[in-house]
Amino acid sequence: MKAKLTPQEIAFLESQGLGAEDMFDGSNMSQRDREAAMEALGKRFYFGGKPCGAALHTLRAKAGHCIQCDTSKIAFSTRHSSPARLYVAGSLRGQRTKIGSAGSIDERLVRLELCAKVGDGVKGLGGVSWGC
């Protein structure tokens, strides 16, 4: 028997920029079989498994985390499965180094320079002129 998404689950997925096509039906599958099938199909999220203990949600990230209780798991899964490049940005004047990853190095450099001009209030990085 296959599980079906409820109207509430569909509304939640839409609120997160996801749709039914992003989901894998993991009904009646072992963890090993479900993960292998999801990998083969390129799916990051599933439904049809055991409900979460907190609120009985059934929408999960591939690792088994409830994406309804903690929507940060959606962003993490998206970043984890997206191609990215590692970068090292340094500031001689500010004597700071930042190591990170970005899908687009050019876009990341623009954001780092913007933070230098207006300050971002994050970990004291504002006001630093970055160069790559």
C-alpha atoms as a PDB file:
ATOM      1  CA  MET A   1       0.000   0.000   0.000  1.00  0.00           C
ATOM      2  CA  LYS A   2       1.428   3.353  -1.039  1.00  0.00           C
ATOM      3  CA  ALA A   3       1.111   6.458   1.108  1.00  0.00           C
ATOM      4  CA  LYS A   4      -0.355   9.662  -0.271  1.00  0.00           C
ATOM      5  CA  LEU A   5       0.465  13.241   0.589  1.00  0.00           C
ATOM      6  CA  THR A   6      -2.267  15.014   2.538  1.00  0.00           C
ATOM      7  CA  PRO A   7      -3.501  18.482   1.527  1.00  0.00           C
ATOM      8  CA  GLN A   8      -1.705  19.863   4.612  1.00  0.00           C
ATOM      9  CA  GLU A   9       1.557  18.228   3.542  1.00  0.00           C
ATOM     10  CA  ILE A  10       1.203  19.582   0.015  1.00  0.00           C
ATOM     11  CA  ALA A  11       0.574  23.069   1.422  1.00  0.00           C
ATOM     12  CA  PHE A  12       3.659  22.747   3.638  1.00  0.00           C
ATOM     13  CA  LEU A  13       5.818  21.629   0.709  1.00  0.00           C
ATOM     14  CA  GLU A  14       4.574  24.542  -1.410  1.00  0.00           C
ATOM     15  CA  SER A  15       5.352  26.971   1.419  1.00  0.00           C
ATOM     16  CA  GLN A  16       8.932  25.686   1.317  1.00  0.00           C
ATOM     17  CA  GLY A  17       9.265  25.912  -2.466  1.00  0.00           C
ATOM     18  CA  LEU A  18       8.886  22.152  -2.907  1.00  0.00           C
ATOM     19  CA  GLY A  19       6.274  19.992  -4.594  1.00  0.00           C
ATOM     20  CA  ALA A  20       5.094  16.410  -4.725  1.00  0.00           C
ATOM     21  CA  GLU A  21       7.643  15.751  -7.493  1.00  0.00           C
ATOM     22  CA  ASP A  22      10.425  16.435  -4.958  1.00  0.00           C
ATOM     23  CA  MET A  23       9.210  13.650  -2.690  1.00  0.00           C
ATOM     24  CA  PHE A  24       9.912   9.923  -2.706  1.00  0.00           C
ATOM     25  CA  ASP A  25       7.306   7.462  -1.433  1.00  0.00           C
ATOM     26  CA  GLY A  26       9.238   5.357   1.058  1.00  0.00           C
ATOM     27  CA  SER A  27       6.246   3.322   2.201  1.00  0.00           C
ATOM     28  CA  ASN A  28       7.053  -0.204   3.386  1.00  0.00           C
ATOM     29  CA  MET A  29      10.762   0.090   2.568  1.00  0.00           C
ATOM     30  CA  SER A  30      13.743  -0.616   4.758  1.00  0.00           C
ATOM     31  CA  GLN A  31      16.070   2.294   5.407  1.00  0.00           C
ATOM     32  CA  ARG A  32      18.746   0.729   3.200  1.00  0.00           C
ATOM     33  CA  ASP A  33      16.386   0.146   0.264  1.00  0.00           C
ATOM     34  CA  ARG A  34      14.796   3.592   0.621  1.00  0.00           C
ATOM     35  CA  GLU A  35      18.167   5.377   0.692  1.00  0.00           C
ATOM     36  CA  ALA A  36      19.421   3.405  -2.330  1.00  0.00           C
ATOM     37  CA  ALA A  37      16.282   4.166  -4.326  1.00  0.00           C
ATOM     38  CA  MET A  38      16.387   7.855  -3.359  1.00  0.00           C
ATOM     39  CA  GLU A  39      20.034   8.068  -4.376  1.00  0.00           C
ATOM     40  CA  ALA A  40      19.311   6.455  -7.743  1.00  0.00           C
ATOM     41  CA  LEU A  41      16.426   8.863  -8.392  1.00  0.00           C
ATOM     42  CA  GLY A  42      18.166  11.963  -7.012  1.00  0.00           C
ATOM     43  CA  LYS A  43      15.507  12.524  -4.357  1.00  0.00           C
ATOM     44  CA  ARG A  44      16.346  14.343  -1.117  1.00  0.00           C
ATOM     45  CA  PHE A  45      13.037  14.015   0.753  1.00  0.00           C
ATOM     46  CA  TYR A  46      10.562  11.225   1.408  1.00  0.00           C
ATOM     47  CA  PHE A  47       7.215  10.431   3.004  1.00  0.00           C
ATOM     48  CA  GLY A  48       5.512   7.233   4.011  1.00  0.00           C
ATOM     49  CA  GLY A  49       7.846   6.291   6.840  1.00  0.00           C
ATOM     50  CA  LYS A  50       7.414   6.237  10.585  1.00  0.00           C
ATOM     51  CA  PRO A  51       5.916   9.518  11.911  1.00  0.00           C
ATOM     52  CA  CYS A  52       8.168  11.810  13.943  1.00  0.00           C
ATOM     53  CA  GLY A  53       7.891  11.641  17.705  1.00  0.00           C
ATOM     54  CA  ALA A  54       7.203  15.325  18.220  1.00  0.00           C
ATOM     55  CA  ALA A  55       4.137  15.949  16.058  1.00  0.00           C
ATOM     56  CA  LEU A  56       3.569  12.764  14.029  1.00  0.00           C
ATOM     57  CA  HIS A  57       4.772  14.365  10.781  1.00  0.00           C
ATOM     58  CA  THR A  58       5.819  12.011   7.974  1.00  0.00           C
ATOM     59  CA  LEU A  59       7.829  14.294   5.658  1.00  0.00           C
ATOM     60  CA  ARG A  60      11.508  13.530   6.099  1.00  0.00           C
ATOM     61  CA  ALA A  61      14.913  14.419   4.726  1.00  0.00           C
ATOM     62  CA  LYS A  62      16.910  11.529   3.293  1.00  0.00           C
ATOM     63  CA  ALA A  63      18.825  11.281   6.577  1.00  0.00           C
ATOM     64  CA  GLY A  64      15.520  10.737   8.424  1.00  0.00           C
ATOM     65  CA  HIS A  65      15.067  14.185   9.988  1.00  0.00           C
ATOM     66  CA  CYS A  66      11.555  15.648  10.122  1.00  0.00           C
ATOM     67  CA  ILE A  67      11.490  18.581   7.700  1.00  0.00           C
ATOM     68  CA  GLN A  68       8.231  19.870   9.156  1.00  0.00           C
ATOM     69  CA  CYS A  69       9.596  20.210  12.701  1.00  0.00           C
ATOM     70  CA  ASP A  70      12.906  21.674  11.516  1.00  0.00           C
ATOM     71  CA  THR A  71      12.768  23.379   8.128  1.00  0.00           C
ATOM     72  CA  SER A  72      16.518  24.081   8.312  1.00  0.00           C
ATOM     73  CA  LYS A  73      16.943  20.443   7.246  1.00  0.00           C
ATOM     74  CA  ILE A  74      15.526  21.429   3.840  1.00  0.00           C
ATOM     75  CA  ALA A  75      18.204  24.093   3.317  1.00  0.00           C
ATOM     76  CA  PHE A  76      20.945  21.798   4.612  1.00  0.00           C
ATOM     77  CA  SER A  77      19.901  18.995   2.281  1.00  0.00           C
ATOM     78  CA  THR A  78      19.719  21.403  -0.646  1.00  0.00           C
ATOM     79  CA  ARG A  79      23.212  22.786   0.049  1.00  0.00           C
ATOM     80  CA  HIS A  80      24.603  19.305   0.639  1.00  0.00           C
ATOM     81  CA  SER A  81      23.418  18.020  -2.721  1.00  0.00           C
ATOM     82  CA  SER A  82      24.171  21.141  -4.802  1.00  0.00           C
ATOM     83  CA  PRO A  83      27.459  21.551  -6.658  1.00  0.00           C
ATOM     84  CA  ALA A  84      29.669  24.185  -5.062  1.00  0.00           C
ATOM     85  CA  ARG A  85      33.230  25.450  -5.009  1.00  0.00           C
ATOM     86  CA  LEU A  86      35.417  25.944  -2.002  1.00  0.00           C
ATOM     87  CA  TYR A  87      36.823  29.448  -1.622  1.00  0.00           C
ATOM     88  CA  VAL A  88      39.282  31.253   0.599  1.00  0.00           C
ATOM     89  CA  ALA A  89      38.816  35.017   0.918  1.00  0.00           C
ATOM     90  CA  GLY A  90      41.439  37.108   2.634  1.00  0.00           C
ATOM     91  CA  SER A  91      41.747  40.681   3.795  1.00  0.00           C
ATOM     92  CA  LEU A  92      45.238  42.096   4.174  1.00  0.00           C
ATOM     93  CA  ARG A  93      43.972  45.277   5.824  1.00  0.00           C
ATOM     94  CA  GLY A  94      41.565  43.525   8.193  1.00  0.00           C
ATOM     95  CA  GLN A  95      43.852  40.528   8.649  1.00  0.00           C
ATOM     96  CA  ARG A  96      40.969  38.127   8.338  1.00  0.00           C
ATOM     97  CA  THR A  97      40.450  34.932   6.396  1.00  0.00           C
ATOM     98  CA  LYS A  98      37.146  33.342   5.470  1.00  0.00           C
ATOM     99  CA  ILE A  99      36.796  29.828   4.112  1.00  0.00           C
ATOM    100  CA  GLY A 100      33.479  28.743   2.673  1.00  0.00           C
ATOM    101  CA  SER A 101      31.645  27.215  -0.234  1.00  0.00           C
ATOM    102  CA  ALA A 102      29.472  28.831  -2.863  1.00  0.00           C
ATOM    103  CA  GLY A 103      27.608  27.822  -5.972  1.00  0.00           C
ATOM    104  CA  SER A 104      28.908  30.913  -7.742  1.00  0.00           C
ATOM    105  CA  ILE A 105      32.245  32.397  -6.702  1.00  0.00           C
ATOM    106  CA  ASP A 106      31.492  35.649  -8.544  1.00  0.00           C
ATOM    107  CA  GLU A 107      28.185  36.117  -6.703  1.00  0.00           C
ATOM    108  CA  ARG A 108      29.834  35.296  -3.368  1.00  0.00           C
ATOM    109  CA  LEU A 109      32.578  37.871  -3.961  1.00  0.00           C
ATOM    110  CA  VAL A 110      29.950  40.524  -4.711  1.00  0.00           C
ATOM    111  CA  ARG A 111      28.182  39.681  -1.425  1.00  0.00           C
ATOM    112  CA  LEU A 112      31.432  39.777   0.543  1.00  0.00           C
ATOM    113  CA  GLU A 113      32.277  43.195  -0.924  1.00  0.00           C
ATOM    114  CA  LEU A 114      28.767  44.447  -0.125  1.00  0.00           C
ATOM    115  CA  CYS A 115      29.217  43.302   3.488  1.00  0.00           C
ATOM    116  CA  ALA A 116      32.475  45.263   3.589  1.00  0.00           C
ATOM    117  CA  LYS A 117      30.693  48.451   2.512  1.00  0.00           C
ATOM    118  CA  VAL A 118      27.567  48.289   4.645  1.00  0.00           C
ATOM    119  CA  GLY A 119      28.526  45.874   7.418  1.00  0.00           C
ATOM    120  CA  ASP A 120      26.621  42.687   7.946  1.00  0.00           C
ATOM    121  CA  GLY A 121      26.735  42.274  11.703  1.00  0.00           C
ATOM    122  CA  VAL A 122      27.734  38.621  11.307  1.00  0.00           C
ATOM    123  CA  LYS A 123      30.769  37.397  13.237  1.00  0.00           C
ATOM    124  CA  GLY A 124      32.474  40.790  12.886  1.00  0.00           C
ATOM    125  CA  LEU A 125      32.919  40.454   9.117  1.00  0.00           C
ATOM    126  CA  GLY A 126      31.392  43.833   8.226  1.00  0.00           C
ATOM    127  CA  GLY A 127      33.811  46.536   7.190  1.00  0.00           C
ATOM    128  CA  VAL A 128      36.439  44.086   5.919  1.00  0.00           C
ATOM    129  CA  SER A 129      37.578  44.494   2.309  1.00  0.00           C
ATOM    130  CA  TRP A 130      37.797  40.998   0.881  1.00  0.00           C
ATOM    131  CA  GLY A 131      39.886  39.787  -1.986  1.00  0.00           C
ATOM    132  CA  CYS A 132      40.114  36.340  -3.503  1.00  0.00           C
END
